[in-house]
Protein backbone atom coordinates (compact mmCIF):
# COMPACT_ATOMS: atom_id res chain seq x y z
CA MET A 1 125.37 100.05 123.33
CA ILE A 2 125.67 102.82 125.42
CA ASP A 3 128.17 102.29 128.57
CA ILE A 4 127.61 104.44 131.60
CA PRO A 5 130.85 104.14 133.76
CA ASP A 6 130.45 102.61 137.41
CA GLU A 7 132.44 105.54 138.64
CA LEU A 8 130.14 108.04 137.12
CA ILE A 9 126.93 106.36 138.38
CA ALA A 10 128.56 106.18 141.98
CA ARG A 11 129.72 109.83 141.88
CA HIS A 12 126.06 110.98 141.11
CA GLN A 13 124.38 108.74 143.31
CA ARG A 14 126.48 109.70 146.41
CA LEU A 15 126.75 113.62 145.94
CA GLY A 16 123.67 114.47 143.72
CA GLY A 17 121.05 113.24 146.24
CA ALA A 18 117.51 112.36 144.65
CA ALA A 19 118.39 114.83 141.49
CA GLY A 20 121.79 112.63 141.03
CA ARG A 21 119.69 109.23 141.14
CA ALA A 22 117.31 110.71 138.73
CA PHE A 23 119.89 111.75 136.17
CA VAL A 24 121.44 108.30 136.30
CA VAL A 25 118.30 106.58 135.67
CA GLY A 26 117.39 108.73 132.68
CA LEU A 27 120.89 108.90 131.07
CA ARG A 28 120.71 105.94 128.96
CA GLY A 29 117.41 107.28 127.56
CA ARG A 30 118.63 110.67 127.16
CA ALA A 31 121.53 109.46 125.12
CA GLU A 32 119.32 107.43 122.74
CA ARG A 33 117.02 110.66 122.38
CA PHE A 34 119.84 112.59 121.23
CA LEU A 35 121.67 110.13 119.10
CA GLU A 36 118.28 109.87 117.03
CA GLU A 37 117.26 113.56 117.06
CA TRP A 38 120.72 114.96 115.90
CA GLY A 39 121.28 111.85 113.74
CA LEU A 40 124.32 110.49 115.33
CA ARG A 41 126.28 107.02 115.59
CA LEU A 42 128.34 105.88 118.21
CA ASP A 43 132.21 105.83 117.50
CA GLY A 44 134.10 104.49 120.58
CA ARG A 45 134.10 104.08 124.20
CA SER A 46 132.17 106.42 126.65
CA MET A 47 134.23 108.86 128.61
CA TYR A 48 133.40 110.65 131.57
CA GLY A 49 134.44 113.73 133.74
CA ARG A 50 133.40 114.76 137.22
CA CYS A 51 129.59 114.93 136.36
CA ALA A 52 129.07 114.40 132.71
CA LEU A 53 128.93 111.42 130.28
CA VAL A 54 130.86 112.10 126.89
CA LEU A 55 130.17 109.77 123.97
CA PRO A 56 132.13 109.75 120.78
CA VAL A 57 129.84 109.95 117.69
CA LEU A 58 129.97 110.33 114.25
CA ARG A 59 127.22 112.81 112.62
CA ALA A 60 125.35 112.06 109.33
CA ASP A 61 128.15 113.64 107.10
CA GLY A 62 130.83 111.13 108.69
CA SER A 63 132.48 114.19 110.73
CA ARG A 64 133.52 113.32 114.13
CA ALA A 65 132.20 114.80 117.35
CA VAL A 66 131.15 114.05 120.90
CA LEU A 67 127.59 114.17 122.74
CA LYS A 68 128.16 115.47 126.07
CA LEU A 69 125.35 114.55 128.69
CA GLN A 70 125.03 116.49 131.76
CA ASP A 71 122.65 118.07 134.38
CA VAL A 72 121.95 121.76 134.33
CA ASP A 73 122.95 123.89 137.36
CA GLU A 74 124.29 127.31 137.66
CA GLU A 75 127.74 126.61 136.40
CA THR A 76 126.82 124.41 133.35
CA VAL A 77 123.86 126.47 132.18
CA GLY A 78 126.05 129.08 130.74
CA GLU A 79 128.32 126.53 128.90
CA PRO A 80 126.72 126.89 125.31
CA VAL A 81 126.35 130.60 125.66
CA ALA A 82 130.14 130.93 126.28
CA LEU A 83 130.86 128.33 123.61
CA ARG A 84 128.58 130.29 120.96
CA ALA A 85 130.41 133.49 121.85
CA TRP A 86 133.89 132.24 121.51
CA ALA A 87 132.70 130.18 118.25
CA GLY A 88 135.91 128.06 118.51
CA ASP A 89 138.40 130.97 119.35
CA GLY A 90 140.46 129.10 121.93
CA ALA A 91 137.95 126.76 122.87
CA VAL A 92 135.99 123.74 121.43
CA ARG A 93 133.32 124.42 118.85
CA LEU A 94 129.51 123.85 119.63
CA LEU A 95 127.77 122.23 117.09
CA GLU A 96 124.30 121.61 118.80
CA SER A 97 122.90 122.06 122.20
CA ASP A 98 119.56 121.37 124.13
CA ALA A 99 118.75 124.21 126.70
CA VAL A 100 116.19 121.97 128.99
CA THR A 101 118.45 118.95 129.31
CA GLY A 102 121.97 120.87 128.99
CA THR A 103 122.93 118.28 126.37
CA LEU A 104 125.56 119.37 124.01
CA LEU A 105 127.26 118.11 120.61
CA LEU A 106 131.01 119.26 120.45
CA GLU A 107 133.75 118.78 118.03
CA ARG A 108 135.77 115.91 118.78
CA LEU A 109 139.20 116.89 120.06
CA ASP A 110 142.20 114.53 121.18
CA SER A 111 141.18 113.38 124.66
CA GLY A 112 144.25 111.08 124.81
CA ARG A 113 146.58 114.09 124.76
CA PRO A 114 145.40 116.70 127.79
CA LEU A 115 147.86 119.56 128.44
CA ALA A 116 148.40 117.86 131.79
CA GLY A 117 150.54 115.27 129.73
CA LEU A 118 152.89 118.18 128.80
CA PRO A 119 156.23 117.28 130.58
CA ASP A 120 157.12 121.06 131.02
CA SER A 121 154.68 122.51 133.61
CA ARG A 122 156.10 126.22 132.76
CA GLU A 123 155.08 125.60 128.91
CA ALA A 124 151.54 124.36 130.20
CA THR A 125 151.15 127.50 132.31
CA LEU A 126 151.90 129.63 129.36
CA THR A 127 149.68 127.57 127.13
CA VAL A 128 146.81 128.35 129.40
CA ALA A 129 147.78 132.02 129.45
CA ARG A 130 147.56 132.25 125.84
CA LEU A 131 144.20 130.63 125.67
CA LEU A 132 143.07 132.71 128.40
CA THR A 133 143.99 135.92 126.19
CA LEU A 134 141.52 134.73 123.54
CA LEU A 135 138.88 133.78 125.75
CA THR A 136 138.74 136.67 127.96
CA ALA A 137 138.97 139.18 124.80
CA LYS A 138 135.14 138.59 124.77
CA GLU A 139 132.84 140.75 126.65
CA ALA A 140 130.42 138.54 128.58
CA PRO A 141 126.89 137.76 127.08
CA ALA A 142 124.36 139.25 129.28
CA PRO A 143 122.73 136.08 130.52
CA LEU A 144 126.03 134.59 132.66
CA ARG A 145 125.97 134.77 136.31
CA HIS A 146 128.52 137.87 137.16
CA LEU A 147 131.62 138.08 139.48
CA GLY A 148 130.25 141.42 140.75
CA ASP A 149 127.28 139.45 142.52
CA LEU A 150 129.28 136.25 143.27
CA ALA A 151 131.97 138.35 145.31
CA PRO A 152 129.58 140.18 147.99
CA ARG A 153 127.84 136.78 148.55
CA LEU A 154 131.15 135.10 149.34
CA LEU A 155 132.39 137.75 151.62
CA ASP A 156 129.16 137.33 153.61
CA ARG A 157 129.56 133.63 153.77
CA ALA A 158 133.20 134.20 154.94
CA SER A 159 132.32 136.45 157.51
CA ALA A 160 130.17 133.95 158.81
CA THR A 161 132.73 130.91 158.46
CA LEU A 162 136.15 132.19 159.01
CA PRO A 163 135.64 132.82 162.85
CA THR A 164 135.15 129.13 163.46
CA VAL A 165 138.62 128.53 162.11
CA PRO A 166 140.66 126.91 164.83
CA ASP A 167 143.96 127.56 163.63
CA THR A 168 144.89 131.24 164.19
CA ALA A 169 147.42 131.58 161.34
CA VAL A 170 144.95 130.22 158.70
CA ARG A 171 142.11 131.98 160.08
CA HIS A 172 144.17 135.28 159.72
CA LEU A 173 145.45 134.15 156.24
CA LEU A 174 141.77 133.83 155.21
CA GLN A 175 140.75 136.96 156.51
CA ASP A 176 143.56 138.56 154.32
CA CYS A 177 142.37 136.90 151.52
CA ALA A 178 138.91 138.52 152.20
CA ALA A 179 140.39 141.82 152.76
CA ALA A 180 142.00 141.70 149.43
CA LEU A 181 139.06 140.57 147.73
CA ARG A 182 136.90 143.38 149.28
CA GLU A 183 139.25 146.16 147.87
CA ALA A 184 138.92 144.29 144.11
CA THR A 185 134.84 144.40 144.35
CA ASP A 186 134.59 147.75 143.23
CA THR A 187 135.27 147.12 139.59
CA PRO A 188 134.53 143.33 138.92
CA GLY A 189 134.88 143.28 135.11
CA ASP A 190 133.08 142.22 132.28
CA ARG A 191 135.10 139.63 130.30
CA LEU A 192 133.83 136.30 129.42
CA LEU A 193 135.62 133.93 131.83
CA HIS A 194 136.18 130.35 131.67
CA TRP A 195 136.64 129.83 135.57
CA ASP A 196 138.02 126.29 135.50
CA LEU A 197 140.82 126.42 133.00
CA HIS A 198 143.29 123.65 134.60
CA PHE A 199 145.57 121.50 132.58
CA ASP A 200 143.22 118.65 132.16
CA ASN A 201 140.52 121.18 130.56
CA VAL A 202 142.90 121.66 127.81
CA LEU A 203 143.06 119.44 124.85
CA ALA A 204 145.15 118.83 121.85
CA ALA A 205 143.49 119.56 118.50
CA THR A 206 143.82 119.46 114.74
CA ARG A 207 143.02 122.88 113.88
CA ALA A 208 144.87 124.55 116.63
CA PRO A 209 147.45 123.07 118.86
CA TRP A 210 145.40 123.56 122.16
CA LEU A 211 141.83 124.28 122.76
CA ALA A 212 139.78 124.76 126.00
CA ILE A 213 137.11 122.58 127.18
CA ASP A 214 134.40 122.48 130.02
CA PRO A 215 134.17 125.90 130.86
CA LYS A 216 131.93 127.19 133.87
CA PRO A 217 131.59 130.57 132.69
CA LEU A 218 130.88 133.82 134.28
CA ALA A 219 131.42 137.65 133.52
CA GLY A 220 134.15 139.23 135.47
CA ASP A 221 137.95 140.20 135.76
CA PRO A 222 140.39 137.85 133.93
CA GLY A 223 142.42 138.08 137.37
CA PHE A 224 139.85 135.46 138.50
CA GLU A 225 141.12 132.85 136.04
CA LEU A 226 144.63 132.23 137.14
CA LEU A 227 144.46 129.66 140.50
CA PRO A 228 143.79 126.74 138.43
CA ALA A 229 147.09 126.89 136.88
CA LEU A 230 148.76 127.62 140.22
CA TRP A 231 147.40 124.74 141.72
CA ASN A 232 147.91 122.25 138.70
CA ARG A 233 151.00 119.92 139.13
CA PHE A 234 151.57 121.81 142.35
CA GLU A 235 154.99 123.27 142.90
CA PRO A 236 155.49 125.73 145.75
CA ASP A 237 158.39 127.29 144.40
CA GLU A 238 156.91 127.62 141.18
CA ILE A 239 153.77 129.96 142.15
CA ARG A 240 155.35 133.22 141.75
CA TRP A 241 156.98 132.39 138.30
CA ARG A 242 153.57 131.19 137.13
CA PHE A 243 151.57 134.09 138.79
CA ASP A 244 154.06 136.63 137.19
CA ALA A 245 154.00 134.91 133.48
CA MET A 246 150.60 134.51 133.34
CA THR A 247 149.98 138.18 134.12
CA ASP A 248 152.46 139.20 131.79
CA VAL A 249 151.01 137.25 128.85
CA LEU A 250 147.50 138.49 129.92
CA GLY A 251 148.55 142.13 130.41
CA LEU A 252 147.02 142.38 133.90
CA ASP A 253 147.42 144.87 136.43
CA ARG A 254 149.53 142.50 138.94
CA GLY A 255 148.01 143.74 142.12
CA ARG A 256 144.42 143.35 141.14
CA ALA A 257 145.05 139.98 139.58
CA ARG A 258 146.72 139.11 143.08
CA ALA A 259 143.35 140.20 144.73
CA TRP A 260 141.54 138.26 142.84
CA THR A 261 143.58 135.41 143.09
CA LEU A 262 143.36 135.37 146.78
CA GLY A 263 139.63 135.86 146.73
CA ARG A 264 139.66 132.66 144.52
CA VAL A 265 141.63 130.85 147.53
CA LEU A 266 138.87 132.18 149.94
CA GLN A 267 136.15 130.87 147.59
CA ASN A 268 137.51 127.22 147.47
CA SER A 269 138.43 127.58 151.27
CA VAL A 270 134.84 128.49 152.54
CA TRP A 271 133.54 125.74 150.38
CA GLN A 272 135.90 123.39 152.20
CA LEU A 273 134.69 124.87 155.63
CA GLU A 274 131.15 124.80 155.05
CA GLU A 275 131.38 120.90 154.21
CA GLY A 276 133.17 120.34 157.47
CA ARG A 277 136.81 120.07 155.81
CA ALA A 278 140.02 121.79 156.09
CA PRO A 279 141.22 124.57 153.57
CA LEU A 280 143.37 122.66 150.90
CA PRO A 281 147.12 123.13 152.00
CA GLU A 282 148.09 123.74 148.37
CA HIS A 283 145.58 126.71 148.22
CA LEU A 284 146.95 128.14 151.61
CA GLU A 285 150.53 128.17 150.17
CA ILE A 286 149.44 129.83 147.11
CA ALA A 287 147.81 132.80 149.34
CA ARG A 288 150.82 132.93 151.36
CA ARG A 289 153.14 133.27 148.62
CA LEU A 290 151.15 135.89 147.04
CA ARG A 291 149.82 137.76 149.96
CA ALA A 292 153.21 139.73 150.31
CA PRO A 293 154.03 141.66 147.16
CA SER A 294 157.22 141.46 145.44
CA ASP A 295 156.95 144.11 142.81
């Protein structure tokens, strides 16, 4: 019996409009199709993330895996491309994929042991940084979206949105973020980026202590990768330590990494503003603490 969690159904129906409702309606049939096509048997309770249904399965040879069912969009379309490029080095292994539906068969990691459960947030931050050294060592394959294209579009959206921010201090802070991003866009980079490597997107494994899951890949500068680990288990007084530690582990130029991180704060804030919400206070605090160089 394929169980589709009510929370996942509600999220797609609430946020996905007609496409989200269609995805939910066809989800059970899609799961049954790939269980049959790929010779899989269910092996546990359904799991889910923000958008995907994940089914623990056994392959024909008895090996354990998970079947990931999700919609195809500009973020998920690159997931199998990135996973093939990494080939298990720092990330979950891709076993099968279907380009039309975005369905993936992945090696099974320990979903009960996310990096978020590690008591020491500093060690969790260093773990993310070490994984990023592996992931960003790869040059991004050609089909992926590129930071060099995203950044100018973001700056255009920001120029239209920021004048509407009523709080003068917040408006000036985000304008500073835009100025920093503008200076970094001359060399956007060509590394393969995960884009969403927060603590819950790292799971314990048997063949490696920790592996990354659920990339939303793009090509660009590794400095654009740092914000999730600054925001996770948010501690204002730890922002600078985490930023310095990650740039040290990754061997990044600190000024450029600061500019890309401020650009990432701008990106998230513009999303919030475009949806009629205020920028997240944690993101604004990260920008405040990084805005003035300390080195």
